[in-house]
Amino acid sequence: MSVKLTIDDGILASCPDCRIGCVVIRDVNIVGSSPALSQEFLKLQNEVAKIYNIEALTKLPPILAVRTMYKKLDFDPSRYRPASESLVRRVLQHKGVYYVNSAVDASNYCSLKYLMPFGLYDLDKIEGDIRYKRQHGGMYVNIGGNQVSTDGKPFLTDSLGVFGNPTSDSRRTAVSLATKNLLSVVFAGSGTAETDLCQILEYCAEILTRYNGGAVEAIQVAGAGKE
């Protein structure tokens, strides 16, 4: 079954150049850790630590583009820091990254490489079509197990409710060793060209399948000029 991903008109009205992209991968084999991926990830962290400066982090074009997207959606990036920014800050502060499993680690690798928020979800726990919209009222349990208000924040939603946003995903759709089908979503920064986003998605698909196997079923972009 193909995945239908759209962006709500309310988000496009506030952020006309908003784009998100997704990759669907079937029949993966996720393991607790991949020595090859861990080695590659550590190499990238070392490169990032040499290239970037934490004081100038918010001025980097990819980080600034994501923050601009947040502000257009009235989502304070200083209070609700984009997941990609939190990740690179940990690296620059020499705190290291959290290793979860071969799928989540591959997704975080891509997020650190491109400085964009990536969400990774168990596709079998998602019901119906997916819509990126601003949520009004309600709560959800985030991936850390905490109850968080959804009011006024942009979220990926399905027929069961919210399950992901560029700051913190929900526990309901979390990826585990038992996951067999993956949905990877890239929350592109404001002004990201469709061609650039497609290249990022293709790279993400390659990394996820390299370390988790499976077959890419679909790559798609939603947003400006798509609906």
Foldseek 3Di string as FASTA:
>chain_A
DDAAEAEDVVLCVLFVQWKKKKWKFFFWQKFFDDPVLVVVLVVLLVVLLVPDDLVCVCVPVQNVLACVSCVSLVHHCVVQPFPLNVQNVCSNVVVDDDRGIQQVSLQNSLCPVRVFQKDKFQPVLAAAHKYWYQDAFDWAQWCVRDIDTRHSHTAIAGPVGGADDRRTGGNSGDDDSPRGMMMMMTGGGRPDDPVNNQVSNVVSVVSNCVRTNTDTDDMDMYGNPHD
